[in-house]
Amino acid sequence: MNAIALHVLKTACKFAVTAAAAAVIFLSPMAPAYGELVDRVAVVVNDDIILKSDVDKRLREIQITLDQQGYSPDQQRRILAEQRLVLVTRMIDDTLTDQQVKRFNIQIDDQEVDQTIARIREVNRMSEEELRRQLDMAGTSYSDYRQQIKDRMLRGRLLNWEVKSKIVVTDADVAAYYNANSVTYASATKYDLRHILLRVKSTDDPARKEQVKRQMEAIYDRLENGEAFDKMAELYSNAATASQGGRLGVFSDKSLTSQVLEAVSGLKEKQFTEILPTEQGYQVFYVDKILRSGGKSLEEAKPEIQEKLYAERVDREFKAWLEKLRERSHIEIME
């Protein structure tokens, strides 16, 4: 979108629009003496203009919100400077869209606007008095808010007409997405683990490392002969979990290191891994419980995938539609 600020499209109506705008703003019969500046054009968008006062008004609304959220004056100035071009770009896009609304003569009556505002209040559990109070705190009049809602509804209908009605998500699209994201829809596996750790530092000499390894092998032999894992952990583990019988807790398969996951994934409950050399030292992991949950079949996941793909395509197609609209429009940023 920032390309708008760098690119000026020249059209035959440029001088007529700019001159007319200047006449309205600077030379009205009620203008102060000596042609005093009361406002100026910020952007020309085809036959319409965006005034600097309109931009400043929107920035003031943002500033009020920032002030209520506790931002310092310096922080507010920095954020507003960053947001100015973003805001101007959005106002240009809104103006272009509104021009298409007029072109197609899309209409929404007052009753529809009132019903939409009533639904907004209902969802937010807010009376009309509370809504007006919140708007007043944000520096927005009720009439301006009502117009904003109406404009959004009109743009929504235009979006349905120009973009949404042309988008189709097929069963093949859904199946392709499901297969490409099978991990997301697979059942989740969690392991309730215990461990025994005999610490070895990377700086230890080979003799020390070999000694600790033999100690772990002796413990491992006793485990294979049926000794209780939790009792062996209490007796021999160097980890802080020793007093709890080596209990680590429940871990999803995605949260385990590849080394540990590979070691436990083929085990059943009440089985333990081989001796694993890890960064902390030599370890043996014990699977107390295996918990499986979730997972969705293609049919179960279908509505969710359809909604996701549809939303992505609407966003992509709307941006493409808007970009084409910009390319064939006269847009000039004056400031």
Protein backbone atom coordinates (compact mmCIF):
# COMPACT_ATOMS: atom_id res chain seq x y z
CA MET A 1 0.00 0.00 0.00
CA ASN A 2 2.88 2.44 0.66
CA ALA A 3 3.42 2.58 -3.08
CA ILE A 4 0.44 4.96 -3.17
CA ALA A 5 2.52 7.61 -1.47
CA LEU A 6 5.29 7.27 -4.04
CA HIS A 7 3.25 7.03 -7.22
CA VAL A 8 1.12 9.81 -8.74
CA LEU A 9 -1.26 8.84 -11.51
CA LYS A 10 -1.88 11.64 -14.00
CA THR A 11 -5.32 12.02 -15.52
CA ALA A 12 -7.14 14.70 -17.48
CA CYS A 13 -9.24 15.68 -14.50
CA LYS A 14 -6.26 16.44 -12.26
CA PHE A 15 -6.19 20.23 -12.61
CA ALA A 16 -9.97 20.55 -12.62
CA VAL A 17 -10.34 18.56 -9.40
CA THR A 18 -7.48 20.29 -7.61
CA ALA A 19 -8.60 23.76 -8.71
CA ALA A 20 -12.18 23.08 -7.68
CA ALA A 21 -11.06 21.79 -4.31
CA ALA A 22 -8.90 24.86 -3.78
CA ALA A 23 -11.80 27.15 -4.65
CA VAL A 24 -14.06 25.42 -2.12
CA ILE A 25 -11.50 25.48 0.65
CA PHE A 26 -9.74 28.81 0.24
CA LEU A 27 -12.20 31.17 -1.45
CA SER A 28 -15.63 30.59 0.06
CA PRO A 29 -17.74 33.74 0.66
CA MET A 30 -17.35 33.23 4.42
CA ALA A 31 -13.56 32.81 4.26
CA PRO A 32 -11.45 35.13 6.44
CA ALA A 33 -9.98 38.25 4.87
CA TYR A 34 -6.78 38.07 2.82
CA GLY A 35 -7.49 34.47 1.80
CA GLU A 36 -6.49 33.05 5.19
CA LEU A 37 -5.93 29.28 5.12
CA VAL A 38 -8.73 27.40 6.87
CA ASP A 39 -8.08 23.88 5.53
CA ARG A 40 -6.27 22.18 2.71
CA VAL A 41 -6.44 19.13 0.51
CA ALA A 42 -4.51 16.13 1.81
CA VAL A 43 -5.30 13.71 -1.04
CA VAL A 44 -7.07 13.83 -4.40
CA VAL A 45 -8.86 10.58 -5.26
CA ASN A 46 -10.44 10.79 -8.72
CA ASP A 47 -13.24 13.38 -8.38
CA ASP A 48 -13.14 13.36 -4.57
CA ILE A 49 -10.82 14.92 -2.03
CA ILE A 50 -9.67 14.00 1.47
CA LEU A 51 -9.10 17.08 3.62
CA LYS A 52 -6.24 17.47 6.05
CA SER A 53 -8.84 18.15 8.74
CA ASP A 54 -10.38 14.72 8.04
CA VAL A 55 -7.01 13.05 8.52
CA ASP A 56 -6.31 15.07 11.66
CA LYS A 57 -9.71 14.17 13.09
CA ARG A 58 -9.02 10.44 12.69
CA LEU A 59 -5.56 10.90 14.22
CA ARG A 60 -7.10 12.69 17.21
CA GLU A 61 -9.38 9.70 17.79
CA ILE A 62 -6.31 7.45 17.83
CA GLN A 63 -4.54 9.89 20.16
CA ILE A 64 -7.44 9.84 22.63
CA THR A 65 -7.27 6.04 22.74
CA LEU A 66 -3.49 6.12 23.25
CA ASP A 67 -3.90 8.67 26.03
CA GLN A 68 -6.52 6.50 27.76
CA GLN A 69 -4.15 3.53 27.53
CA GLY A 70 -1.44 5.47 29.35
CA TYR A 71 1.04 6.21 26.56
CA SER A 72 3.36 9.14 27.23
CA PRO A 73 3.27 12.23 24.94
CA ASP A 74 6.55 11.16 23.29
CA GLN A 75 5.21 7.65 22.67
CA GLN A 76 1.99 9.10 21.27
CA ARG A 77 3.88 11.35 18.83
CA ARG A 78 5.99 8.44 17.62
CA ILE A 79 2.99 6.12 17.14
CA LEU A 80 0.91 8.82 15.41
CA ALA A 81 3.79 9.60 13.04
CA GLU A 82 4.05 5.90 12.17
CA GLN A 83 0.29 5.56 11.74
CA ARG A 84 -0.28 8.65 9.59
CA LEU A 85 0.62 7.05 6.24
CA VAL A 86 -1.22 3.86 7.21
CA LEU A 87 -4.30 5.94 8.03
CA VAL A 88 -4.09 8.00 4.83
CA THR A 89 -3.73 4.81 2.79
CA ARG A 90 -6.81 3.34 4.48
CA MET A 91 -8.79 6.53 3.83
CA ILE A 92 -7.79 6.39 0.16
CA ASP A 93 -8.95 2.77 -0.07
CA ASP A 94 -12.22 3.65 1.67
CA THR A 95 -12.78 6.55 -0.75
CA LEU A 96 -12.14 4.33 -3.76
CA THR A 97 -14.53 1.72 -2.38
CA ASP A 98 -17.19 4.34 -1.62
CA GLN A 99 -16.95 5.57 -5.20
CA GLN A 100 -17.75 2.06 -6.40
CA VAL A 101 -20.68 1.89 -3.98
CA LYS A 102 -22.10 5.00 -5.66
CA ARG A 103 -21.31 3.63 -9.11
CA PHE A 104 -23.39 0.50 -8.46
CA ASN A 105 -26.05 2.49 -6.56
CA ILE A 106 -25.84 0.20 -3.53
CA GLN A 107 -28.34 1.30 -0.88
CA ILE A 108 -28.89 0.63 2.83
CA ASP A 109 -31.85 2.17 4.67
CA ASP A 110 -31.82 3.67 8.16
CA GLN A 111 -33.70 0.73 9.67
CA GLU A 112 -30.91 -1.68 8.64
CA VAL A 113 -28.31 0.59 10.22
CA ASP A 114 -30.32 0.83 13.44
CA GLN A 115 -30.71 -2.96 13.58
CA THR A 116 -26.96 -3.44 13.10
CA ILE A 117 -26.12 -0.99 15.90
CA ALA A 118 -28.67 -2.74 18.14
CA ARG A 119 -26.94 -6.10 17.47
CA ILE A 120 -23.55 -4.55 18.27
CA ARG A 121 -24.92 -3.25 21.58
CA GLU A 122 -26.49 -6.63 22.34
CA VAL A 123 -23.24 -8.53 21.71
CA ASN A 124 -21.33 -6.10 23.92
CA ARG A 125 -24.14 -5.99 26.52
CA MET A 126 -24.29 -2.23 26.27
CA SER A 127 -27.22 0.18 26.53
CA GLU A 128 -27.59 3.05 24.09
CA GLU A 129 -26.59 5.47 26.86
CA GLU A 130 -23.44 3.45 27.57
CA LEU A 131 -22.59 3.34 23.86
CA ARG A 132 -22.96 7.11 23.58
CA ARG A 133 -20.79 7.58 26.68
CA GLN A 134 -18.05 5.34 25.23
CA LEU A 135 -18.18 7.22 21.93
CA ASP A 136 -17.91 10.53 23.75
CA MET A 137 -14.83 9.29 25.61
CA ALA A 138 -13.30 8.29 22.26
CA GLY A 139 -14.01 11.73 20.78
CA THR A 140 -16.60 10.43 18.29
CA SER A 141 -20.15 11.75 17.94
CA TYR A 142 -23.05 9.31 17.66
CA SER A 143 -23.91 10.62 14.19
CA ASP A 144 -20.33 10.04 13.00
CA TYR A 145 -20.38 6.52 14.49
CA ARG A 146 -23.68 5.79 12.78
CA GLN A 147 -22.27 6.96 9.45
CA GLN A 148 -19.19 4.79 9.97
CA ILE A 149 -21.42 1.74 10.52
CA LYS A 150 -23.45 2.55 7.43
CA ASP A 151 -20.29 2.99 5.33
CA ARG A 152 -18.96 -0.37 6.51
CA MET A 153 -22.24 -2.06 5.64
CA LEU A 154 -22.21 -0.50 2.16
CA ARG A 155 -18.61 -1.59 1.60
CA GLY A 156 -19.55 -5.07 2.81
CA ARG A 157 -22.28 -5.33 0.21
CA LEU A 158 -19.88 -4.14 -2.45
CA LEU A 159 -17.39 -6.79 -1.30
CA ASN A 160 -20.11 -9.45 -1.62
CA TRP A 161 -20.93 -8.23 -5.12
CA GLU A 162 -17.42 -7.78 -6.49
CA VAL A 163 -15.43 -10.46 -4.63
CA LYS A 164 -17.23 -12.94 -2.39
CA SER A 165 -19.85 -14.02 -4.93
CA LYS A 166 -17.07 -15.15 -7.28
CA ILE A 167 -15.17 -17.35 -4.79
CA VAL A 168 -15.74 -21.11 -4.64
CA VAL A 169 -14.01 -23.57 -2.30
CA THR A 170 -14.28 -27.09 -3.73
CA ASP A 171 -14.10 -30.46 -1.94
CA ALA A 172 -10.79 -31.01 -3.73
CA ASP A 173 -9.44 -27.78 -2.21
CA VAL A 174 -10.48 -28.93 1.25
CA ALA A 175 -8.92 -32.39 0.80
CA ALA A 176 -5.65 -30.91 -0.47
CA TYR A 177 -5.41 -28.59 2.53
CA TYR A 178 -6.25 -31.41 4.95
CA ASN A 179 -3.56 -33.68 3.50
CA ALA A 180 -0.96 -30.91 3.47
CA ASN A 181 -1.69 -30.14 7.15
CA SER A 182 -2.23 -33.66 8.43
CA VAL A 183 -0.19 -32.99 11.57
CA THR A 184 -2.69 -30.30 12.61
CA TYR A 185 -5.62 -32.70 12.38
CA ALA A 186 -3.88 -35.80 13.73
CA SER A 187 -4.68 -36.97 17.25
CA ALA A 188 -2.49 -35.42 19.92
CA THR A 189 -0.34 -37.72 22.06
CA LYS A 190 0.88 -36.80 25.52
CA TYR A 191 3.28 -38.70 27.75
CA ASP A 192 3.30 -38.72 31.55
CA LEU A 193 7.01 -39.24 32.19
CA ARG A 194 9.47 -40.08 34.94
CA HIS A 195 13.24 -40.14 34.61
CA ILE A 196 16.47 -41.04 36.30
CA LEU A 197 19.40 -38.68 35.72
CA LEU A 198 23.06 -39.23 36.52
CA ARG A 199 24.81 -35.93 35.82
CA VAL A 200 27.92 -35.67 33.64
CA LYS A 201 29.51 -32.39 32.63
CA SER A 202 30.92 -31.86 29.17
CA THR A 203 34.17 -30.82 30.86
CA ASP A 204 34.48 -34.08 32.82
CA ASP A 205 37.39 -36.31 31.84
CA PRO A 206 36.67 -39.57 29.95
CA ALA A 207 37.33 -41.68 33.04
CA ARG A 208 34.64 -39.81 35.01
CA LYS A 209 32.15 -40.16 32.16
CA GLU A 210 32.83 -43.88 31.89
CA GLN A 211 32.37 -44.33 35.64
CA VAL A 212 28.96 -42.61 35.58
CA LYS A 213 27.91 -44.63 32.55
CA ARG A 214 28.72 -47.89 34.39
CA GLN A 215 26.66 -46.69 37.36
CA MET A 216 23.70 -46.06 35.07
CA GLU A 217 24.13 -49.48 33.47
CA ALA A 218 23.95 -51.06 36.91
CA ILE A 219 20.75 -49.17 37.67
CA TYR A 220 19.36 -50.16 34.28
CA ASP A 221 20.02 -53.85 35.00
CA ARG A 222 18.02 -53.57 38.21
CA LEU A 223 15.14 -51.92 36.34
CA GLU A 224 15.11 -54.76 33.84
CA ASN A 225 14.98 -57.20 36.74
CA GLY A 226 11.76 -55.62 37.96
CA GLU A 227 12.80 -52.97 40.47
CA ALA A 228 10.26 -50.12 40.72
CA PHE A 229 11.29 -47.14 38.62
CA ASP A 230 10.09 -44.53 41.13
CA LYS A 231 12.03 -46.17 43.98
CA MET A 232 15.22 -46.31 41.89
CA ALA A 233 14.77 -42.65 40.97
CA GLU A 234 14.42 -41.69 44.64
CA LEU A 235 17.58 -43.62 45.52
CA TYR A 236 19.92 -42.74 42.65
CA SER A 237 18.73 -39.84 40.47
CA ASN A 238 20.70 -36.58 40.63
CA ALA A 239 17.69 -34.56 39.38
CA ALA A 240 15.51 -32.32 41.55
CA THR A 241 12.64 -34.68 40.72
CA ALA A 242 14.21 -37.54 42.71
CA SER A 243 12.08 -36.92 45.79
CA GLN A 244 8.93 -37.30 43.61
CA GLY A 245 10.07 -40.61 42.21
CA GLY A 246 11.55 -38.91 39.17
CA ARG A 247 8.19 -37.57 37.98
CA LEU A 248 8.60 -34.97 35.22
CA GLY A 249 4.93 -34.42 34.35
CA VAL A 250 2.85 -34.58 31.18
CA PHE A 251 4.38 -33.54 27.86
CA SER A 252 2.88 -33.36 24.37
CA ASP A 253 4.83 -35.10 21.64
CA LYS A 254 5.51 -31.67 20.08
CA SER A 255 7.14 -30.35 23.25
CA LEU A 256 9.68 -33.17 23.61
CA THR A 257 13.14 -33.07 22.08
CA SER A 258 13.56 -35.24 19.02
CA GLN A 259 15.89 -37.55 20.97
CA VAL A 260 13.40 -38.17 23.80
CA LEU A 261 10.40 -38.37 21.47
CA GLU A 262 12.10 -40.98 19.32
CA ALA A 263 12.96 -42.99 22.44
CA VAL A 264 9.45 -42.97 23.99
CA SER A 265 7.25 -43.06 20.88
CA GLY A 266 7.52 -46.82 20.47
CA LEU A 267 6.90 -47.62 24.13
CA LYS A 268 3.79 -48.75 25.94
CA GLU A 269 2.74 -47.61 29.39
CA LYS A 270 5.05 -48.79 32.21
CA GLN A 271 8.00 -49.25 29.85
CA PHE A 272 11.27 -47.33 29.88
CA THR A 273 13.80 -46.19 27.30
CA GLU A 274 17.35 -47.24 26.71
CA ILE A 275 20.09 -45.23 28.42
CA LEU A 276 20.25 -41.85 26.66
CA PRO A 277 23.35 -39.65 26.66
CA THR A 278 21.96 -36.08 26.96
CA GLU A 279 23.34 -32.62 27.65
CA GLN A 280 22.58 -33.07 31.36
CA GLY A 281 24.11 -36.51 31.62
CA TYR A 282 22.90 -40.11 31.26
CA GLN A 283 19.13 -40.51 31.50
CA VAL A 284 16.46 -43.18 31.39
CA PHE A 285 12.83 -42.15 30.77
CA TYR A 286 9.81 -44.07 32.01
CA VAL A 287 6.34 -43.81 30.42
CA ASP A 288 3.84 -43.72 33.26
CA LYS A 289 0.81 -43.02 31.04
CA ILE A 290 0.04 -42.31 27.40
CA LEU A 291 -2.77 -39.84 26.80
CA ARG A 292 -4.37 -39.46 23.38
CA SER A 293 -6.95 -36.83 22.49
CA GLY A 294 -8.34 -34.75 19.65
CA GLY A 295 -7.82 -35.55 16.02
CA LYS A 296 -10.32 -34.86 13.25
CA SER A 297 -11.29 -36.80 10.18
CA LEU A 298 -11.61 -35.03 6.84
CA GLU A 299 -15.38 -34.78 7.25
CA GLU A 300 -15.07 -33.42 10.77
CA ALA A 301 -12.49 -30.84 9.72
CA LYS A 302 -14.28 -29.85 6.50
CA PRO A 303 -16.36 -26.87 7.80
CA GLU A 304 -13.34 -25.39 9.58
CA ILE A 305 -11.12 -25.75 6.49
CA GLN A 306 -13.79 -24.33 4.17
CA GLU A 307 -14.12 -21.26 6.38
CA LYS A 308 -10.35 -20.78 6.56
CA LEU A 309 -9.79 -21.17 2.80
CA TYR A 310 -12.75 -18.92 2.01
CA ALA A 311 -11.48 -16.16 4.32
CA GLU A 312 -7.97 -16.37 2.85
CA ARG A 313 -9.29 -16.16 -0.70
CA VAL A 314 -11.60 -13.25 0.11
CA ASP A 315 -8.67 -11.36 1.59
CA ARG A 316 -6.39 -12.16 -1.36
CA GLU A 317 -9.00 -11.37 -4.03
CA PHE A 318 -10.10 -8.16 -2.31
CA LYS A 319 -6.50 -6.91 -2.22
CA ALA A 320 -6.11 -7.75 -5.91
CA TRP A 321 -9.41 -6.03 -6.74
CA LEU A 322 -8.38 -2.96 -4.75
CA GLU A 323 -4.96 -2.84 -6.42
CA LYS A 324 -6.57 -2.85 -9.88
CA LEU A 325 -8.90 -0.09 -8.72
CA ARG A 326 -5.91 2.00 -7.62
CA GLU A 327 -4.11 1.44 -10.92
CA ARG A 328 -6.95 2.89 -12.94
CA SER A 329 -7.60 5.78 -10.57
CA HIS A 330 -6.09 9.23 -10.18
CA ILE A 331 -4.55 9.40 -6.70
CA GLU A 332 -2.40 12.32 -5.60
CA ILE A 333 -1.09 12.84 -2.09
CA MET A 334 -0.69 16.60 -1.66
CA GLU A 335 1.15 16.70 1.68
